[in-house]
Amino acid sequence: MYCPRCGQQQISDQTKFCSRCGFQLGIVGELLINNGFLPQLAELYNKKSTIFTRRNGLIFTLFWFLFFLFIMTPFWGIMDVDELAVFSAILAIFGSLILLLVSMLILKKAPVLPNYLPNEVAGTTASTPASLYGSPVNQQALPPQQSEPVQSYAPPAAGAWRAPDTGEFANRPGSVVENTTKLLERDEKS
């Protein structure tokens, strides 16, 4: 087994911590044994989704309100049945309020599955992450090669717009040490 953080090969699959970086490897070993899936999380996948959730209740409440107020009330008004038109309007307003309260107070939120779980539950098979076994997937050690012409590295010509503005240092003579070194070299040659 290899450490997923630093890539250090471990002595045993039962190692709890990486010997190089200290990364906790207890769960990594269990992931490798179970092909990238933790059995403790299986119950999240096996829960049957129910239609009686808070979100679905709120959507049904909205449709209830729109249907009875904007479809049934005008329909009964056109048909000259004023009693049913009034009843539809009352049913739309008070029925939607009751459904809204039931949805908010009684119905539970839908369980949210974490997105780090494998794809096996959705019907596709999850591939085992190869980087856990030491062979990195689509990872390159260096960035892709880039080539630039040599002319781009040439110093700019004097007076060119790319010439550096050195200000007061442009016309200054060299340091005292440089002049002394040049004098000593001349003395050695003679």
N, C-alpha and C. Protein backbone atom coordinates (compact mmCIF):
# COMPACT_ATOMS: atom_id res chain seq x y z
N MET A 1 0.85 -1.18 0.00
CA MET A 1 0.00 0.00 0.00
C MET A 1 0.89 1.23 0.00
N TYR A 2 0.44 2.26 -0.70
CA TYR A 2 1.16 3.52 -0.79
C TYR A 2 0.32 4.61 -0.11
N CYS A 3 1.01 5.57 0.47
CA CYS A 3 0.33 6.70 1.11
C CYS A 3 -0.29 7.57 0.02
N PRO A 4 -1.59 7.90 0.14
CA PRO A 4 -2.21 8.74 -0.89
C PRO A 4 -1.72 10.18 -0.87
N ARG A 5 -1.12 10.63 0.23
CA ARG A 5 -0.65 12.01 0.30
C ARG A 5 0.75 12.16 -0.26
N CYS A 6 1.70 11.33 0.17
CA CYS A 6 3.10 11.54 -0.23
C CYS A 6 3.63 10.44 -1.13
N GLY A 7 2.93 9.30 -1.27
CA GLY A 7 3.36 8.23 -2.14
C GLY A 7 4.35 7.27 -1.53
N GLN A 8 4.65 7.37 -0.25
CA GLN A 8 5.58 6.49 0.43
C GLN A 8 4.99 5.09 0.52
N GLN A 9 5.78 4.07 0.12
CA GLN A 9 5.31 2.69 0.24
C GLN A 9 5.36 2.29 1.70
N GLN A 10 4.29 1.66 2.17
CA GLN A 10 4.19 1.27 3.56
C GLN A 10 4.67 -0.17 3.75
N ILE A 11 5.13 -0.46 4.94
CA ILE A 11 5.66 -1.79 5.25
C ILE A 11 4.54 -2.82 5.23
N SER A 12 3.39 -2.46 5.78
CA SER A 12 2.28 -3.39 5.90
C SER A 12 0.98 -2.69 5.53
N ASP A 13 0.00 -3.48 5.12
CA ASP A 13 -1.32 -2.91 4.85
C ASP A 13 -2.06 -2.57 6.14
N GLN A 14 -1.56 -3.04 7.26
CA GLN A 14 -2.19 -2.78 8.55
C GLN A 14 -1.63 -1.52 9.23
N THR A 15 -0.71 -0.81 8.57
CA THR A 15 -0.11 0.40 9.14
C THR A 15 -1.17 1.46 9.33
N LYS A 16 -1.15 2.12 10.49
CA LYS A 16 -2.16 3.11 10.81
C LYS A 16 -1.77 4.52 10.38
N PHE A 17 -0.44 4.81 10.33
CA PHE A 17 0.03 6.14 9.97
C PHE A 17 1.18 6.01 8.98
N CYS A 18 1.30 6.98 8.07
CA CYS A 18 2.39 6.98 7.10
C CYS A 18 3.71 7.27 7.82
N SER A 19 4.74 6.53 7.46
CA SER A 19 6.04 6.71 8.12
C SER A 19 6.74 7.99 7.68
N ARG A 20 6.35 8.56 6.55
CA ARG A 20 6.99 9.78 6.07
C ARG A 20 6.24 11.04 6.50
N CYS A 21 4.93 11.11 6.17
CA CYS A 21 4.19 12.36 6.41
C CYS A 21 3.22 12.28 7.58
N GLY A 22 2.97 11.10 8.14
CA GLY A 22 2.08 10.97 9.29
C GLY A 22 0.61 10.91 8.93
N PHE A 23 0.28 10.77 7.66
CA PHE A 23 -1.12 10.70 7.23
C PHE A 23 -1.78 9.47 7.83
N GLN A 24 -3.02 9.61 8.31
CA GLN A 24 -3.72 8.50 8.93
C GLN A 24 -4.19 7.52 7.86
N LEU A 25 -3.72 6.28 7.92
CA LEU A 25 -3.98 5.29 6.89
C LEU A 25 -4.98 4.22 7.31
N GLY A 26 -5.61 4.36 8.46
CA GLY A 26 -6.54 3.34 8.94
C GLY A 26 -7.69 3.11 7.99
N ILE A 27 -8.30 4.16 7.49
CA ILE A 27 -9.43 4.03 6.58
C ILE A 27 -8.96 3.65 5.19
N VAL A 28 -7.74 4.06 4.81
CA VAL A 28 -7.23 3.74 3.47
C VAL A 28 -7.12 2.24 3.30
N GLY A 29 -6.62 1.54 4.32
CA GLY A 29 -6.54 0.09 4.25
C GLY A 29 -7.90 -0.56 4.10
N GLU A 30 -8.88 -0.04 4.81
CA GLU A 30 -10.24 -0.58 4.71
C GLU A 30 -10.84 -0.28 3.33
N LEU A 31 -10.52 0.88 2.79
CA LEU A 31 -10.98 1.20 1.43
C LEU A 31 -10.38 0.25 0.41
N LEU A 32 -9.10 -0.09 0.57
CA LEU A 32 -8.46 -1.00 -0.36
C LEU A 32 -9.03 -2.41 -0.26
N ILE A 33 -9.32 -2.84 0.95
CA ILE A 33 -9.89 -4.17 1.15
C ILE A 33 -11.27 -4.27 0.52
N ASN A 34 -12.07 -3.21 0.62
CA ASN A 34 -13.46 -3.22 0.14
C ASN A 34 -13.62 -2.57 -1.23
N ASN A 35 -12.55 -2.50 -2.00
CA ASN A 35 -12.58 -1.97 -3.36
C ASN A 35 -13.09 -0.53 -3.42
N GLY A 36 -12.60 0.31 -2.52
CA GLY A 36 -12.92 1.73 -2.55
C GLY A 36 -14.25 2.10 -1.95
N PHE A 37 -14.85 1.23 -1.15
CA PHE A 37 -16.16 1.49 -0.57
C PHE A 37 -16.13 1.16 0.90
N LEU A 38 -16.69 2.03 1.74
CA LEU A 38 -16.78 1.76 3.17
C LEU A 38 -18.12 1.10 3.47
N PRO A 39 -18.12 -0.08 4.07
CA PRO A 39 -19.39 -0.76 4.35
C PRO A 39 -20.27 0.02 5.32
N GLN A 40 -19.66 0.86 6.16
CA GLN A 40 -20.46 1.64 7.10
C GLN A 40 -21.37 2.63 6.37
N LEU A 41 -21.00 3.02 5.17
CA LEU A 41 -21.80 3.98 4.43
C LEU A 41 -22.84 3.32 3.52
N ALA A 42 -22.88 2.01 3.52
CA ALA A 42 -23.81 1.29 2.64
C ALA A 42 -25.26 1.59 2.98
N GLU A 43 -25.55 1.84 4.24
CA GLU A 43 -26.93 2.11 4.62
C GLU A 43 -27.45 3.41 4.03
N LEU A 44 -26.54 4.34 3.74
CA LEU A 44 -26.98 5.58 3.09
C LEU A 44 -27.49 5.30 1.69
N TYR A 45 -26.86 4.35 1.01
CA TYR A 45 -27.26 4.01 -0.34
C TYR A 45 -28.50 3.14 -0.39
N ASN A 46 -28.65 2.30 0.60
CA ASN A 46 -29.74 1.33 0.59
C ASN A 46 -31.07 1.91 1.03
N LYS A 47 -31.08 3.13 1.54
CA LYS A 47 -32.34 3.74 1.94
C LYS A 47 -33.18 4.01 0.71
N LYS A 48 -34.41 3.56 0.78
CA LYS A 48 -35.33 3.80 -0.33
C LYS A 48 -35.76 5.27 -0.28
N SER A 49 -35.74 5.89 -1.43
CA SER A 49 -36.18 7.28 -1.46
C SER A 49 -37.70 7.31 -1.40
N THR A 50 -38.22 8.19 -0.63
CA THR A 50 -39.65 8.30 -0.45
C THR A 50 -40.14 9.58 -1.10
N ILE A 51 -41.41 9.57 -1.50
CA ILE A 51 -41.94 10.78 -2.12
C ILE A 51 -42.46 11.75 -1.06
N PHE A 52 -42.57 11.28 0.18
CA PHE A 52 -43.09 12.13 1.24
C PHE A 52 -41.94 12.89 1.91
N THR A 53 -41.40 13.85 1.19
CA THR A 53 -40.34 14.69 1.75
C THR A 53 -40.85 16.12 1.83
N ARG A 54 -40.13 16.93 2.56
CA ARG A 54 -40.53 18.32 2.75
C ARG A 54 -40.55 19.06 1.41
N ARG A 55 -39.57 18.81 0.59
CA ARG A 55 -39.48 19.51 -0.70
C ARG A 55 -40.67 19.14 -1.59
N ASN A 56 -40.98 17.85 -1.66
CA ASN A 56 -42.12 17.42 -2.47
C ASN A 56 -43.43 17.95 -1.91
N GLY A 57 -43.54 18.05 -0.59
CA GLY A 57 -44.75 18.60 0.01
C GLY A 57 -44.94 20.06 -0.33
N LEU A 58 -43.84 20.82 -0.35
CA LEU A 58 -43.94 22.24 -0.70
C LEU A 58 -44.29 22.42 -2.18
N ILE A 59 -43.76 21.57 -3.02
CA ILE A 59 -44.09 21.64 -4.45
C ILE A 59 -45.57 21.30 -4.66
N PHE A 60 -46.06 20.26 -3.98
CA PHE A 60 -47.47 19.90 -4.08
C PHE A 60 -48.36 21.02 -3.58
N THR A 61 -47.95 21.69 -2.51
CA THR A 61 -48.72 22.82 -1.97
C THR A 61 -48.83 23.93 -2.99
N LEU A 62 -47.74 24.22 -3.68
CA LEU A 62 -47.76 25.27 -4.69
C LEU A 62 -48.71 24.90 -5.84
N PHE A 63 -48.63 23.67 -6.30
CA PHE A 63 -49.53 23.25 -7.37
C PHE A 63 -50.99 23.24 -6.93
N TRP A 64 -51.23 22.83 -5.69
CA TRP A 64 -52.59 22.85 -5.14
C TRP A 64 -53.16 24.26 -5.19
N PHE A 65 -52.37 25.22 -4.71
CA PHE A 65 -52.81 26.61 -4.67
C PHE A 65 -53.08 27.13 -6.08
N LEU A 66 -52.14 26.90 -7.00
CA LEU A 66 -52.30 27.41 -8.36
C LEU A 66 -53.49 26.74 -9.07
N PHE A 67 -53.65 25.45 -8.88
CA PHE A 67 -54.73 24.73 -9.56
C PHE A 67 -56.10 25.22 -9.11
N PHE A 68 -56.34 25.25 -7.78
CA PHE A 68 -57.67 25.61 -7.31
C PHE A 68 -57.96 27.09 -7.45
N LEU A 69 -56.95 27.96 -7.30
CA LEU A 69 -57.22 29.39 -7.36
C LEU A 69 -57.29 29.90 -8.79
N PHE A 70 -56.38 29.46 -9.65
CA PHE A 70 -56.31 30.03 -10.99
C PHE A 70 -56.93 29.17 -12.09
N ILE A 71 -57.30 27.93 -11.78
CA ILE A 71 -57.94 27.10 -12.80
C ILE A 71 -59.38 26.79 -12.40
N MET A 72 -59.58 26.23 -11.21
CA MET A 72 -60.92 25.80 -10.83
C MET A 72 -61.86 26.97 -10.51
N THR A 73 -61.36 27.99 -9.84
CA THR A 73 -62.23 29.13 -9.50
C THR A 73 -62.75 29.82 -10.77
N PRO A 74 -61.88 30.17 -11.75
CA PRO A 74 -62.42 30.76 -12.99
C PRO A 74 -63.32 29.78 -13.77
N PHE A 75 -63.00 28.49 -13.71
CA PHE A 75 -63.83 27.50 -14.42
C PHE A 75 -65.25 27.50 -13.87
N TRP A 76 -65.39 27.46 -12.54
CA TRP A 76 -66.73 27.46 -11.96
C TRP A 76 -67.41 28.82 -12.15
N GLY A 77 -66.62 29.88 -12.22
CA GLY A 77 -67.20 31.20 -12.50
C GLY A 77 -67.76 31.28 -13.91
N ILE A 78 -67.06 30.70 -14.88
CA ILE A 78 -67.53 30.68 -16.27
C ILE A 78 -68.78 29.82 -16.40
N MET A 79 -68.84 28.73 -15.64
CA MET A 79 -69.98 27.81 -15.70
C MET A 79 -71.18 28.33 -14.90
N ASP A 80 -71.07 29.53 -14.32
CA ASP A 80 -72.12 30.17 -13.51
C ASP A 80 -72.52 29.34 -12.30
N VAL A 81 -71.55 28.71 -11.68
CA VAL A 81 -71.80 28.00 -10.43
C VAL A 81 -70.99 28.75 -9.38
N ASP A 82 -71.57 29.84 -8.88
CA ASP A 82 -70.84 30.73 -7.98
C ASP A 82 -70.49 30.07 -6.66
N GLU A 83 -71.32 29.15 -6.18
CA GLU A 83 -71.02 28.49 -4.91
C GLU A 83 -69.74 27.67 -5.01
N LEU A 84 -69.59 26.95 -6.12
CA LEU A 84 -68.36 26.15 -6.29
C LEU A 84 -67.13 27.03 -6.55
N ALA A 85 -67.33 28.18 -7.19
CA ALA A 85 -66.20 29.10 -7.40
C ALA A 85 -65.70 29.63 -6.07
N VAL A 86 -66.63 29.99 -5.18
CA VAL A 86 -66.22 30.47 -3.85
C VAL A 86 -65.58 29.34 -3.07
N PHE A 87 -66.16 28.14 -3.16
CA PHE A 87 -65.59 26.99 -2.45
C PHE A 87 -64.18 26.67 -2.96
N SER A 88 -63.94 26.78 -4.27
CA SER A 88 -62.60 26.52 -4.83
C SER A 88 -61.59 27.55 -4.34
N ALA A 89 -62.00 28.81 -4.26
CA ALA A 89 -61.08 29.85 -3.78
C ALA A 89 -60.73 29.62 -2.31
N ILE A 90 -61.74 29.27 -1.51
CA ILE A 90 -61.48 29.01 -0.09
C ILE A 90 -60.62 27.76 0.06
N LEU A 91 -60.91 26.72 -0.73
CA LEU A 91 -60.13 25.49 -0.68
C LEU A 91 -58.68 25.75 -1.11
N ALA A 92 -58.48 26.62 -2.08
CA ALA A 92 -57.13 26.93 -2.53
C ALA A 92 -56.34 27.64 -1.43
N ILE A 93 -56.92 28.63 -0.81
CA ILE A 93 -56.19 29.42 0.19
C ILE A 93 -55.98 28.64 1.46
N PHE A 94 -57.04 28.15 2.06
CA PHE A 94 -56.90 27.47 3.35
C PHE A 94 -56.28 26.07 3.21
N GLY A 95 -56.60 25.39 2.10
CA GLY A 95 -55.98 24.08 1.87
C GLY A 95 -54.47 24.18 1.68
N SER A 96 -54.04 25.19 0.95
CA SER A 96 -52.60 25.36 0.76
C SER A 96 -51.90 25.76 2.05
N LEU A 97 -52.57 26.54 2.91
CA LEU A 97 -51.98 26.87 4.21
C LEU A 97 -51.83 25.63 5.08
N ILE A 98 -52.84 24.77 5.08
CA ILE A 98 -52.76 23.53 5.86
C ILE A 98 -51.67 22.62 5.31
N LEU A 99 -51.62 22.47 3.98
CA LEU A 99 -50.58 21.65 3.38
C LEU A 99 -49.18 22.22 3.64
N LEU A 100 -49.07 23.53 3.65
CA LEU A 100 -47.78 24.16 3.95
C LEU A 100 -47.34 23.85 5.38
N LEU A 101 -48.26 23.95 6.33
CA LEU A 101 -47.92 23.63 7.72
C LEU A 101 -47.56 22.16 7.87
N VAL A 102 -48.30 21.26 7.23
CA VAL A 102 -48.00 19.84 7.31
C VAL A 102 -46.63 19.56 6.71
N SER A 103 -46.34 20.18 5.58
CA SER A 103 -45.04 19.96 4.93
C SER A 103 -43.89 20.44 5.80
N MET A 104 -44.06 21.59 6.44
CA MET A 104 -42.96 22.16 7.23
C MET A 104 -42.80 21.47 8.58
N LEU A 105 -43.89 21.04 9.18
CA LEU A 105 -43.82 20.51 10.54
C LEU A 105 -43.69 18.99 10.60
N ILE A 106 -44.32 18.27 9.70
CA ILE A 106 -44.36 16.82 9.81
C ILE A 106 -43.38 16.13 8.87
N LEU A 107 -43.34 16.56 7.62
CA LEU A 107 -42.49 15.87 6.65
C LEU A 107 -41.01 16.17 6.91
N LYS A 108 -40.18 15.17 6.66
CA LYS A 108 -38.74 15.31 6.90
C LYS A 108 -38.02 15.68 5.62
N LYS A 109 -36.85 16.24 5.78
CA LYS A 109 -36.03 16.56 4.62
C LYS A 109 -35.53 15.27 3.99
N ALA A 110 -35.31 15.33 2.69
CA ALA A 110 -34.77 14.17 1.97
C ALA A 110 -33.31 13.98 2.38
N PRO A 111 -32.87 12.73 2.59
CA PRO A 111 -31.48 12.51 2.96
C PRO A 111 -30.55 12.92 1.81
N VAL A 112 -29.49 13.59 2.18
CA VAL A 112 -28.52 14.04 1.20
C VAL A 112 -27.36 13.07 1.22
N LEU A 113 -27.10 12.44 0.08
CA LEU A 113 -25.97 11.52 -0.02
C LEU A 113 -24.70 12.32 -0.24
N PRO A 114 -23.66 12.02 0.50
CA PRO A 114 -22.41 12.72 0.26
C PRO A 114 -21.85 12.36 -1.11
N ASN A 115 -21.20 13.31 -1.75
CA ASN A 115 -20.72 13.08 -3.10
C ASN A 115 -19.35 12.43 -3.14
N TYR A 116 -18.83 11.97 -2.01
CA TYR A 116 -17.56 11.26 -2.02
C TYR A 116 -17.75 9.75 -2.02
N LEU A 117 -18.99 9.29 -2.07
CA LEU A 117 -19.26 7.87 -2.09
C LEU A 117 -19.13 7.34 -3.50
N PRO A 118 -18.85 6.06 -3.68
CA PRO A 118 -18.60 5.53 -5.02
C PRO A 118 -19.85 5.51 -5.89
N ASN A 119 -19.64 5.30 -7.18
CA ASN A 119 -20.72 5.33 -8.14
C ASN A 119 -21.43 4.00 -8.27
N GLU A 120 -21.08 3.00 -7.48
CA GLU A 120 -21.68 1.68 -7.61
C GLU A 120 -23.17 1.72 -7.34
N VAL A 121 -23.62 2.62 -6.48
CA VAL A 121 -25.03 2.67 -6.12
C VAL A 121 -25.85 3.21 -7.27
N ALA A 122 -25.28 4.14 -8.01
CA ALA A 122 -26.01 4.75 -9.13
C ALA A 122 -26.14 3.80 -10.31
N GLY A 123 -25.53 2.62 -10.24
CA GLY A 123 -25.66 1.66 -11.30
C GLY A 123 -24.38 1.48 -12.10
N THR A 124 -23.44 2.37 -11.95
CA THR A 124 -22.17 2.24 -12.65
C THR A 124 -21.14 1.67 -11.70
N THR A 125 -20.15 1.04 -12.22
CA THR A 125 -19.11 0.49 -11.37
C THR A 125 -18.02 1.52 -11.18
N ALA A 126 -17.60 1.67 -9.96
CA ALA A 126 -16.56 2.64 -9.65
C ALA A 126 -15.20 1.99 -9.88
N SER A 127 -14.33 2.72 -10.52
CA SER A 127 -12.98 2.20 -10.73
C SER A 127 -12.15 2.44 -9.47
N THR A 128 -11.25 1.55 -9.21
CA THR A 128 -10.40 1.67 -8.04
C THR A 128 -9.38 2.76 -8.30
N PRO A 129 -9.21 3.70 -7.38
CA PRO A 129 -8.24 4.75 -7.61
C PRO A 129 -6.83 4.17 -7.66
N ALA A 130 -6.19 4.32 -8.81
CA ALA A 130 -4.87 3.72 -9.01
C ALA A 130 -3.80 4.43 -8.22
N SER A 131 -4.03 5.69 -7.82
CA SER A 131 -3.00 6.40 -7.09
C SER A 131 -2.79 5.81 -5.69
N LEU A 132 -3.78 5.05 -5.18
CA LEU A 132 -3.59 4.40 -3.89
C LEU A 132 -2.62 3.24 -3.98
N TYR A 133 -2.46 2.68 -5.17
CA TYR A 133 -1.57 1.54 -5.36
C TYR A 133 -0.18 1.96 -5.84
N GLY A 134 0.06 3.22 -5.98
CA GLY A 134 1.38 3.69 -6.33
C GLY A 134 1.56 4.05 -7.78
N SER A 135 0.62 3.79 -8.65
CA SER A 135 0.75 4.18 -10.05
C SER A 135 -0.20 5.34 -10.30
N PRO A 136 0.30 6.56 -10.31
CA PRO A 136 -0.58 7.72 -10.45
C PRO A 136 -1.28 7.73 -11.80
N VAL A 137 -2.49 8.20 -11.79
CA VAL A 137 -3.31 8.27 -12.98
C VAL A 137 -3.24 9.68 -13.54
N ASN A 138 -2.82 9.79 -14.80
CA ASN A 138 -2.78 11.07 -15.51
C ASN A 138 -2.02 12.14 -14.75
N GLN A 139 -0.98 11.76 -14.07
CA GLN A 139 -0.15 12.74 -13.39
C GLN A 139 1.22 12.74 -14.03
N GLN A 140 1.70 13.91 -14.38
CA GLN A 140 3.01 14.04 -14.98
C GLN A 140 3.93 14.70 -13.97
N ALA A 141 5.20 14.31 -14.02
CA ALA A 141 6.16 14.88 -13.08
C ALA A 141 6.48 16.32 -13.45
N LEU A 142 6.53 16.63 -14.72
CA LEU A 142 6.87 17.97 -15.18
C LEU A 142 5.76 18.51 -16.06
N PRO A 143 5.66 19.83 -16.15
CA PRO A 143 4.68 20.39 -17.07
C PRO A 143 5.09 20.10 -18.51
N PRO A 144 4.19 20.23 -19.46
CA PRO A 144 4.54 19.96 -20.85
C PRO A 144 5.64 20.90 -21.34
N GLN A 145 6.42 20.39 -22.27
CA GLN A 145 7.56 21.14 -22.79
C GLN A 145 7.08 22.37 -23.56
N GLN A 146 7.77 23.48 -23.36
CA GLN A 146 7.47 24.71 -24.07
C GLN A 146 8.72 25.17 -24.78
N SER A 147 8.59 25.61 -25.98
CA SER A 147 9.76 26.10 -26.71
C SER A 147 9.56 27.56 -27.05
N GLU A 148 10.57 28.36 -26.75
CA GLU A 148 10.56 29.77 -27.08
C GLU A 148 11.84 30.07 -27.84
N PRO A 149 11.78 30.92 -28.84
CA PRO A 149 12.99 31.21 -29.60
C PRO A 149 14.03 31.95 -28.76
N VAL A 150 15.28 31.77 -29.15
CA VAL A 150 16.39 32.37 -28.41
C VAL A 150 16.32 33.89 -28.46
N GLN A 151 15.76 34.44 -29.54
CA GLN A 151 15.70 35.89 -29.69
C GLN A 151 14.88 36.54 -28.58
N SER A 152 13.96 35.81 -28.00
CA SER A 152 13.16 36.41 -26.93
C SER A 152 13.98 36.61 -25.66
N TYR A 153 15.14 35.92 -25.56
CA TYR A 153 15.99 36.07 -24.38
C TYR A 153 17.15 37.04 -24.61
N ALA A 154 17.31 37.58 -25.82
CA ALA A 154 18.41 38.50 -26.12
C ALA A 154 18.19 39.82 -25.41
N PRO A 155 19.24 40.48 -24.98
CA PRO A 155 19.06 41.78 -24.31
C PRO A 155 18.54 42.81 -25.30
N PRO A 156 17.75 43.75 -24.85
CA PRO A 156 17.20 44.76 -25.75
C PRO A 156 18.29 45.72 -26.24
N ALA A 157 18.08 46.25 -27.41
CA ALA A 157 19.03 47.20 -27.97
C ALA A 157 18.95 48.50 -27.18
N ALA A 158 20.04 49.26 -27.22
CA ALA A 158 20.08 50.53 -26.50
C ALA A 158 19.05 51.47 -27.11
N GLY A 159 18.28 52.09 -26.26
CA GLY A 159 17.26 53.01 -26.71
C GLY A 159 15.96 52.35 -27.12
N ALA A 160 15.92 51.03 -27.11
CA ALA A 160 14.69 50.33 -27.47
C ALA A 160 13.66 50.51 -26.35
N TRP A 161 12.44 50.28 -26.70
CA TRP A 161 11.39 50.48 -25.71
C TRP A 161 11.46 49.46 -24.59
N ARG A 162 12.16 48.32 -24.80
CA ARG A 162 12.27 47.31 -23.76
C ARG A 162 13.52 47.49 -22.92
N ALA A 163 14.33 48.50 -23.24
CA ALA A 163 15.57 48.71 -22.49
C ALA A 163 15.24 49.06 -21.05
N PRO A 164 15.97 48.51 -20.10
CA PRO A 164 15.68 48.82 -18.70
C PRO A 164 16.04 50.25 -18.36
N ASP A 165 15.23 50.85 -17.53
CA ASP A 165 15.49 52.22 -17.08
C ASP A 165 16.26 52.12 -15.76
N THR A 166 17.58 52.28 -15.86
CA THR A 166 18.40 52.13 -14.66
C THR A 166 18.66 53.45 -13.97
N GLY A 167 18.26 54.55 -14.57
CA GLY A 167 18.37 55.85 -13.93
C GLY A 167 19.81 56.23 -13.64
N GLU A 168 20.12 56.50 -12.41
CA GLU A 168 21.43 57.01 -12.01
C GLU A 168 22.54 55.96 -12.12
N PHE A 169 22.18 54.68 -12.22
CA PHE A 169 23.20 53.64 -12.27
C PHE A 169 23.74 53.40 -13.69
N ALA A 170 23.12 54.00 -14.70
CA ALA A 170 23.50 53.73 -16.08
C ALA A 170 24.90 54.24 -16.41
N ASN A 171 25.27 55.44 -15.98
CA ASN A 171 26.55 56.04 -16.35
C ASN A 171 27.55 56.04 -15.21
N ARG A 172 27.31 55.29 -14.22
CA ARG A 172 28.17 55.28 -13.04
C ARG A 172 29.38 54.37 -13.27
N PRO A 173 30.54 54.76 -12.82
CA PRO A 173 31.70 53.88 -12.96
C PRO A 173 31.58 52.67 -12.04
N GLY A 174 32.36 51.62 -12.32
CA GLY A 174 32.33 50.42 -11.50
C GLY A 174 32.76 50.70 -10.07
N SER A 175 32.68 49.70 -9.23
CA SER A 175 33.02 49.88 -7.83
C SER A 175 34.53 49.95 -7.64
N VAL A 176 34.95 50.35 -6.46
CA VAL A 176 36.37 50.45 -6.13
C VAL A 176 37.01 49.08 -6.15
N VAL A 177 36.29 48.08 -5.73
CA VAL A 177 36.83 46.73 -5.68
C VAL A 177 37.12 46.23 -7.10
N GLU A 178 36.24 46.53 -8.05
CA GLU A 178 36.46 46.11 -9.43
C GLU A 178 37.72 46.75 -9.99
N ASN A 179 37.89 48.06 -9.74
CA ASN A 179 39.09 48.75 -10.24
C ASN A 179 40.34 48.19 -9.59
N THR A 180 40.30 47.92 -8.32
CA THR A 180 41.47 47.37 -7.62
C THR A 180 41.81 45.99 -8.16
N THR A 181 40.82 45.18 -8.41
CA THR A 181 41.04 43.85 -8.95
C THR A 181 41.68 43.94 -10.33
N LYS A 182 41.20 44.88 -11.16
CA LYS A 182 41.79 45.06 -12.49
C LYS A 182 43.25 45.49 -12.38
N LEU A 183 43.55 46.38 -11.45
CA LEU A 183 44.94 46.83 -11.26
C LEU A 183 45.82 45.68 -10.80
N LEU A 184 45.35 44.87 -9.91
CA LEU A 184 46.14 43.72 -9.42
C LEU A 184 46.38 42.72 -10.53
N GLU A 185 45.39 42.49 -11.37
CA GLU A 185 45.57 41.57 -12.49
C GLU A 185 46.62 42.11 -13.47
N ARG A 186 46.63 43.41 -13.70
CA ARG A 186 47.63 44.00 -14.58
C ARG A 186 49.03 43.86 -14.00
N ASP A 187 49.15 44.01 -12.68
CA ASP A 187 50.46 43.89 -12.05
C ASP A 187 50.96 42.46 -12.12
N GLU A 188 50.07 41.51 -12.01
CA GLU A 188 50.48 40.10 -12.05
C GLU A 188 50.96 39.72 -13.45
N LYS A 189 50.35 40.28 -14.48
CA LYS A 189 50.73 39.97 -15.84
C LYS A 189 52.09 40.58 -16.20
N SER A 190 52.43 41.68 -15.60
CA SER A 190 53.69 42.31 -15.96
C SER A 190 54.86 41.85 -15.16
